[in-house]
Amino acid sequence: MLKAVFFDWMNTLVHHETERHEIYRQTYRKFGIELTASDTIRGILRAEERVPHGTPVRWRETAPPDAYLLYQELVLKESGFTLPVESRLQVIRQLYRLSQETPFVLYDDVIPTFQSLKQQGMRLGLITNMPQSMVVVVGTLGLDAYLDAVITSGEIGVSKPDPAIFRAALERTRTSAQQAAYVGDQYGTDVVGARRVGITPVLIDRLELEVGPVDCCRITSLTELADCLGA
């Protein structure tokens, strides 16, 4: 019997007020590179699956590890472009600045879904690769009233798909893996990671970017989640 549902953060519960791929497109345009929206989104998703620690939000105004550079290389590769290392460093600094200045916005389906799940007696949790504490932003968006656990990679010391971050959520909600589901937008980190500990995965593909069959329940909106969970 299902007792808990865990959620990813970016592109599952929230998006940037200016969409992330648009921030990337604006930044690369300054370097003479014009990216399409669809290729940029795919590039970001592929890069995050390969380099979970290389996202711009983790940039700390110091010389970045190779992961940051590889991340940008993978984003551009989706569109057939390349940039030298120094230019990619400039891109990383710009993306970090813009990501810090752009607030998060909840998708319209989040609160109704949370309300419905809580009415069914479900425990809800957030599992995210964000490195910083999420207490303030979760409270600002009004999610603290619904979430029973907030698990970040910065707190646990590992990132999805490492099993430890999923086990931490299970322990904190006193739930077994067989009693839990996890909703995320990346197959390689969210679906694979949940399955490693026996949690039922649900892939949310809001922009319908996944091509071909996926070996788990796939939804395009949280309004479809009840069908996946059998609720």
Protein backbone atom coordinates (compact mmCIF):
# COMPACT_ATOMS: atom_id res chain seq x y z
CA MET A 1 0.00 0.00 0.00
CA LEU A 2 1.39 3.39 -0.99
CA LYS A 3 2.17 5.66 1.97
CA ALA A 4 4.64 8.25 0.63
CA VAL A 5 5.29 10.20 -2.54
CA PHE A 6 8.59 11.99 -3.08
CA PHE A 7 9.27 14.68 -5.67
CA ASP A 8 12.19 16.16 -7.55
CA TRP A 9 12.54 19.97 -7.56
CA MET A 10 13.43 21.60 -10.89
CA ASN A 11 11.03 20.98 -13.78
CA THR A 12 8.91 18.78 -11.51
CA LEU A 13 7.59 21.19 -8.87
CA VAL A 14 9.13 24.49 -10.00
CA HIS A 15 10.67 26.37 -12.88
CA HIS A 16 12.56 29.63 -13.03
CA GLU A 17 10.44 32.73 -13.61
CA THR A 18 12.51 33.07 -16.77
CA GLU A 19 12.73 29.50 -18.00
CA ARG A 20 16.16 27.97 -17.57
CA HIS A 21 16.63 27.18 -21.24
CA GLU A 22 15.86 30.81 -22.07
CA ILE A 23 18.55 31.95 -19.63
CA TYR A 24 20.97 29.65 -21.43
CA ARG A 25 19.91 30.90 -24.85
CA GLN A 26 20.31 34.54 -23.82
CA THR A 27 23.75 33.85 -22.40
CA TYR A 28 25.07 31.93 -25.40
CA ARG A 29 23.68 34.55 -27.75
CA LYS A 30 26.24 36.95 -26.30
CA PHE A 31 28.92 34.60 -27.60
CA GLY A 32 27.44 34.50 -31.09
CA ILE A 33 25.68 31.15 -30.63
CA GLU A 34 21.97 30.92 -31.41
CA LEU A 35 20.37 27.85 -29.84
CA THR A 36 16.85 26.59 -30.44
CA ALA A 37 14.64 26.16 -27.39
CA SER A 38 14.14 22.42 -27.92
CA ASP A 39 17.84 21.66 -28.41
CA THR A 40 18.77 23.73 -25.37
CA ILE A 41 16.27 21.88 -23.16
CA ARG A 42 17.50 18.51 -24.39
CA GLY A 43 21.10 19.58 -23.92
CA ILE A 44 20.46 20.61 -20.32
CA LEU A 45 18.69 17.34 -19.53
CA ARG A 46 21.45 15.24 -21.08
CA ALA A 47 24.14 17.25 -19.29
CA GLU A 48 22.43 16.90 -15.91
CA GLU A 49 22.19 13.15 -16.31
CA ARG A 50 25.90 12.94 -17.09
CA VAL A 51 27.19 15.64 -14.73
CA PRO A 52 24.87 16.03 -11.71
CA HIS A 53 27.38 18.28 -9.90
CA GLY A 54 28.08 20.55 -12.85
CA THR A 55 25.05 22.81 -12.94
CA PRO A 56 25.62 26.58 -12.80
CA VAL A 57 23.80 26.93 -9.51
CA ARG A 58 26.72 25.17 -7.82
CA TRP A 59 29.28 27.67 -9.12
CA ARG A 60 31.02 29.44 -6.24
CA GLU A 61 33.19 32.14 -7.87
CA THR A 62 36.28 29.94 -7.74
CA ALA A 63 38.00 27.99 -10.48
CA PRO A 64 35.42 25.35 -11.39
CA PRO A 65 36.15 21.63 -11.58
CA ASP A 66 36.15 19.92 -14.94
CA ALA A 67 32.50 19.00 -14.33
CA TYR A 68 31.36 22.57 -14.98
CA LEU A 69 33.21 22.69 -18.29
CA LEU A 70 31.95 19.27 -19.36
CA TYR A 71 28.39 20.29 -18.48
CA GLN A 72 28.53 23.24 -20.85
CA GLU A 73 30.21 21.14 -23.52
CA LEU A 74 27.32 18.67 -23.39
CA VAL A 75 24.67 21.41 -23.54
CA LEU A 76 26.27 22.82 -26.69
CA LYS A 77 26.90 19.41 -28.23
CA GLU A 78 23.15 18.84 -28.53
CA SER A 79 23.07 21.76 -30.98
CA GLY A 80 26.36 20.98 -32.70
CA PHE A 81 28.33 23.91 -31.23
CA THR A 82 31.56 24.17 -29.26
CA LEU A 83 33.26 26.93 -27.28
CA PRO A 84 36.84 27.21 -25.99
CA VAL A 85 37.47 26.71 -22.28
CA GLU A 86 37.81 30.41 -21.41
CA SER A 87 34.50 31.23 -23.10
CA ARG A 88 32.78 28.40 -21.26
CA LEU A 89 34.12 29.78 -17.97
CA GLN A 90 32.57 33.13 -18.80
CA VAL A 91 29.28 31.39 -19.61
CA ILE A 92 29.34 29.58 -16.27
CA ARG A 93 29.85 32.81 -14.33
CA GLN A 94 27.03 34.50 -16.22
CA LEU A 95 24.64 31.57 -15.76
CA TYR A 96 25.36 31.43 -12.04
CA ARG A 97 24.61 35.15 -11.66
CA LEU A 98 21.37 34.90 -13.62
CA SER A 99 20.22 31.75 -11.81
CA GLN A 100 20.69 33.48 -8.46
CA GLU A 101 18.69 36.51 -9.61
CA THR A 102 15.78 34.56 -11.13
CA PRO A 103 13.15 33.36 -8.61
CA PHE A 104 11.49 29.95 -8.62
CA VAL A 105 7.82 29.64 -9.62
CA LEU A 106 5.53 26.73 -8.77
CA TYR A 107 3.75 24.91 -11.56
CA ASP A 108 -0.01 25.37 -11.30
CA ASP A 109 -0.61 21.66 -10.66
CA VAL A 110 1.61 21.40 -7.56
CA ILE A 111 -0.59 22.69 -4.73
CA PRO A 112 -3.78 20.89 -5.90
CA THR A 113 -1.79 17.66 -6.18
CA PHE A 114 -0.22 18.08 -2.76
CA GLN A 115 -3.60 18.85 -1.21
CA SER A 116 -5.13 15.75 -2.77
CA LEU A 117 -2.29 13.48 -1.64
CA LYS A 118 -2.36 14.82 1.91
CA GLN A 119 -6.11 14.25 2.06
CA GLN A 120 -5.37 10.62 1.24
CA GLY A 121 -2.98 10.48 4.20
CA MET A 122 0.21 10.41 2.12
CA ARG A 123 3.58 11.53 3.46
CA LEU A 124 5.25 13.90 1.03
CA GLY A 125 8.93 14.59 0.52
CA LEU A 126 11.36 16.54 -1.63
CA ILE A 127 14.55 14.88 -2.91
CA THR A 128 16.79 17.27 -4.81
CA ASN A 129 20.37 17.63 -5.99
CA MET A 130 20.33 21.28 -4.93
CA PRO A 131 23.41 21.82 -2.74
CA GLN A 132 22.01 24.48 -0.42
CA SER A 133 19.35 24.40 2.27
CA MET A 134 15.84 24.59 0.84
CA VAL A 135 14.11 25.75 4.03
CA VAL A 136 13.65 29.37 2.98
CA VAL A 137 12.53 28.79 -0.61
CA VAL A 138 10.19 25.94 0.37
CA GLY A 139 8.60 28.20 2.96
CA THR A 140 8.36 31.14 0.58
CA LEU A 141 6.49 29.01 -1.94
CA GLY A 142 4.14 27.64 0.72
CA LEU A 143 5.29 24.03 0.44
CA ASP A 144 6.42 23.64 4.04
CA ALA A 145 2.81 23.00 5.07
CA TYR A 146 2.76 19.85 2.93
CA LEU A 147 6.27 18.39 3.00
CA ASP A 148 7.21 15.89 5.69
CA ALA A 149 10.85 15.71 4.56
CA VAL A 150 13.23 17.83 2.51
CA ILE A 151 16.38 16.01 1.40
CA THR A 152 19.17 17.82 -0.45
CA SER A 153 22.44 16.56 -1.88
CA GLY A 154 24.23 19.23 0.13
CA GLU A 155 22.90 17.75 3.36
CA ILE A 156 23.44 14.07 2.54
CA GLY A 157 26.75 14.49 0.73
CA VAL A 158 25.76 12.56 -2.40
CA SER A 159 23.57 13.30 -5.41
CA LYS A 160 20.91 11.35 -7.26
CA PRO A 161 21.04 8.64 -8.49
CA ASP A 162 23.07 7.55 -5.43
CA PRO A 163 20.83 5.29 -3.29
CA ALA A 164 21.80 7.09 -0.06
CA ILE A 165 19.77 10.21 -0.85
CA PHE A 166 16.64 8.13 -1.49
CA ARG A 167 17.20 6.03 1.64
CA ALA A 168 17.44 9.21 3.69
CA ALA A 169 13.96 10.20 2.52
CA LEU A 170 12.57 6.78 3.40
CA GLU A 171 14.11 6.91 6.86
CA ARG A 172 12.87 10.42 7.54
CA THR A 173 9.31 9.55 6.57
CA ARG A 174 9.43 6.12 8.23
CA THR A 175 8.43 4.49 4.97
CA SER A 176 9.62 1.34 3.22
CA ALA A 177 10.67 1.50 -0.43
CA GLN A 178 7.72 -0.70 -1.40
CA GLN A 179 5.38 1.90 0.08
CA ALA A 180 6.85 4.87 -1.82
CA ALA A 181 6.80 6.50 -5.25
CA TYR A 182 9.15 9.12 -6.66
CA VAL A 183 8.33 11.71 -9.34
CA GLY A 184 11.14 13.32 -11.33
CA ASP A 185 11.90 14.65 -14.80
CA GLN A 186 15.20 12.88 -15.56
CA TYR A 187 15.37 9.21 -16.40
CA GLY A 188 19.07 8.73 -15.60
CA THR A 189 18.97 10.32 -12.15
CA ASP A 190 15.34 10.10 -11.01
CA VAL A 191 13.98 6.87 -12.46
CA VAL A 192 17.25 4.95 -12.16
CA GLY A 193 17.94 6.29 -8.67
CA ALA A 194 14.49 5.45 -7.31
CA ARG A 195 14.64 1.95 -8.75
CA ARG A 196 18.00 1.27 -7.12
CA VAL A 197 16.31 1.26 -3.72
CA GLY A 198 12.99 -0.26 -4.82
CA ILE A 199 10.93 2.95 -4.96
CA THR A 200 8.34 3.09 -7.75
CA PRO A 201 9.47 5.76 -10.27
CA VAL A 202 7.25 8.15 -12.22
CA LEU A 203 8.78 10.20 -15.03
CA ILE A 204 7.24 13.64 -15.51
CA ASP A 205 7.90 14.87 -19.04
CA ARG A 206 6.22 18.29 -19.01
CA LEU A 207 7.58 19.27 -22.42
CA GLU A 208 7.16 15.81 -23.96
CA LEU A 209 10.83 15.54 -24.82
CA GLU A 210 11.28 11.81 -24.25
CA VAL A 211 11.09 9.96 -27.55
CA GLY A 212 10.00 6.33 -27.67
CA PRO A 213 8.86 3.99 -24.92
CA VAL A 214 9.86 4.46 -21.28
CA ASP A 215 9.81 1.51 -18.89
CA CYS A 216 7.91 3.33 -16.15
CA CYS A 217 4.79 5.42 -15.85
CA ARG A 218 5.23 8.70 -17.74
CA ILE A 219 3.10 11.81 -17.21
CA THR A 220 3.12 15.32 -18.63
CA SER A 221 1.38 16.95 -15.65
CA LEU A 222 0.94 16.16 -11.97
CA THR A 223 -2.80 16.04 -12.67
CA GLU A 224 -2.10 12.62 -14.22
CA LEU A 225 -0.26 11.30 -11.18
CA ALA A 226 -3.29 9.60 -9.63
CA ASP A 227 -3.54 7.28 -12.63
CA CYS A 228 0.07 6.18 -12.14
CA LEU A 229 -0.39 5.62 -8.43
CA GLY A 230 -3.73 3.88 -8.78
CA ALA A 231 -5.31 6.47 -6.52
